[in-house]
Protein backbone atom coordinates (compact mmCIF):
# COMPACT_ATOMS: atom_id res chain seq x y z
CA MET A 1 -6.66 36.71 38.51
CA SER A 2 -10.09 35.73 39.71
CA TYR A 3 -11.39 32.20 40.06
CA GLU A 4 -13.67 32.69 37.03
CA ASP A 5 -10.78 34.00 34.93
CA LYS A 6 -8.73 30.93 35.80
CA LEU A 7 -11.62 28.65 34.86
CA PHE A 8 -12.12 30.53 31.61
CA ASP A 9 -8.42 30.25 30.76
CA LYS A 10 -8.45 26.55 31.54
CA ASP A 11 -11.55 26.04 29.37
CA LYS A 12 -9.86 27.88 26.49
CA ARG A 13 -6.76 25.74 26.90
CA ILE A 14 -8.87 22.57 26.89
CA GLU A 15 -10.58 23.71 23.70
CA GLU A 16 -7.23 24.44 22.06
CA LEU A 17 -5.86 21.06 23.03
CA GLU A 18 -8.99 19.29 21.80
CA LYS A 19 -8.66 21.07 18.44
CA ILE A 20 -5.01 20.03 18.25
CA GLN A 21 -5.96 16.43 19.08
CA LEU A 22 -8.62 16.43 16.36
CA SER A 23 -6.08 17.82 13.92
CA PHE A 24 -3.63 15.06 14.85
CA ASP A 25 -6.37 12.47 14.47
CA ASP A 26 -7.13 13.82 10.98
CA ILE A 27 -3.44 13.74 10.05
CA LYS A 28 -3.10 10.20 11.39
CA ALA A 29 -6.15 9.01 9.43
CA SER A 30 -4.84 10.66 6.29
CA LEU A 31 -1.41 9.08 6.70
CA GLU A 32 -2.94 5.67 7.35
CA LYS A 33 -5.01 6.01 4.17
CA ASP A 34 -1.95 7.11 2.17
CA ILE A 35 0.10 4.20 3.51
CA GLU A 36 -2.66 1.72 2.66
CA GLN A 37 -2.93 3.11 -0.88
CA TYR A 38 0.85 2.96 -1.29
CA LYS A 39 0.96 -0.64 -0.05
CA ASN A 40 -1.82 -1.62 -2.44
CA LYS A 41 -0.04 0.08 -5.35
CA GLU A 42 3.23 -1.66 -4.48
CA LEU A 43 1.48 -5.02 -4.20
CA GLU A 44 -0.21 -4.50 -7.56
CA GLU A 45 3.14 -3.72 -9.17
CA ILE A 46 4.78 -6.76 -7.56
CA ASN A 47 1.90 -9.00 -8.61
CA SER A 48 2.10 -7.68 -12.15
CA LYS A 49 5.86 -8.36 -12.31
CA LEU A 50 5.38 -11.84 -10.87
CA GLN A 51 2.62 -12.61 -13.36
CA SER A 52 4.80 -11.38 -16.20
CA ALA A 53 7.68 -13.56 -15.00
CA LEU A 54 5.38 -16.58 -14.72
CA ASP A 55 4.01 -15.94 -18.21
CA LYS A 56 7.56 -15.83 -19.62
CA ILE A 57 8.44 -19.08 -17.84
CA VAL A 58 5.36 -20.79 -19.27
CA GLU A 59 6.17 -19.41 -22.71
CA LYS A 60 9.75 -20.72 -22.53
CA ASP A 61 8.58 -24.09 -21.20
CA ASN A 62 6.18 -24.36 -24.12
CA LYS A 63 8.96 -23.46 -26.56
CA ILE A 64 11.22 -26.11 -25.01
CA LYS A 65 8.48 -28.73 -25.29
CA SER A 66 7.84 -27.73 -28.88
CA LEU A 67 11.53 -28.01 -29.77
CA ILE A 68 11.82 -31.38 -28.03
CA ASN A 69 8.79 -32.61 -29.98
CA GLU A 70 10.32 -31.38 -33.24
CA ILE A 71 13.61 -33.11 -32.46
CA ASN A 72 11.84 -36.33 -31.54
CA ASP A 73 9.76 -36.16 -34.74
CA LYS A 74 12.91 -35.76 -36.83
CA LYS A 75 14.53 -38.75 -35.08
CA ASN A 76 11.65 -40.97 -36.10
């Protein structure tokens, strides 16, 4: 194999490896985006559940206060 053939082969190999690296970079970026979207979705669901729980607590607290007021009114 001549010197030029070796250089040509090495250049081809470099090109192949650069394409593979770009492909990996694309895959990594895509996975990072997917993970970020998944985290955001999970956080939205958790926030929604927490808000719902807080709303129920406030509702029950209000009901308790209302019942206490009714009891106190009947005492008087």
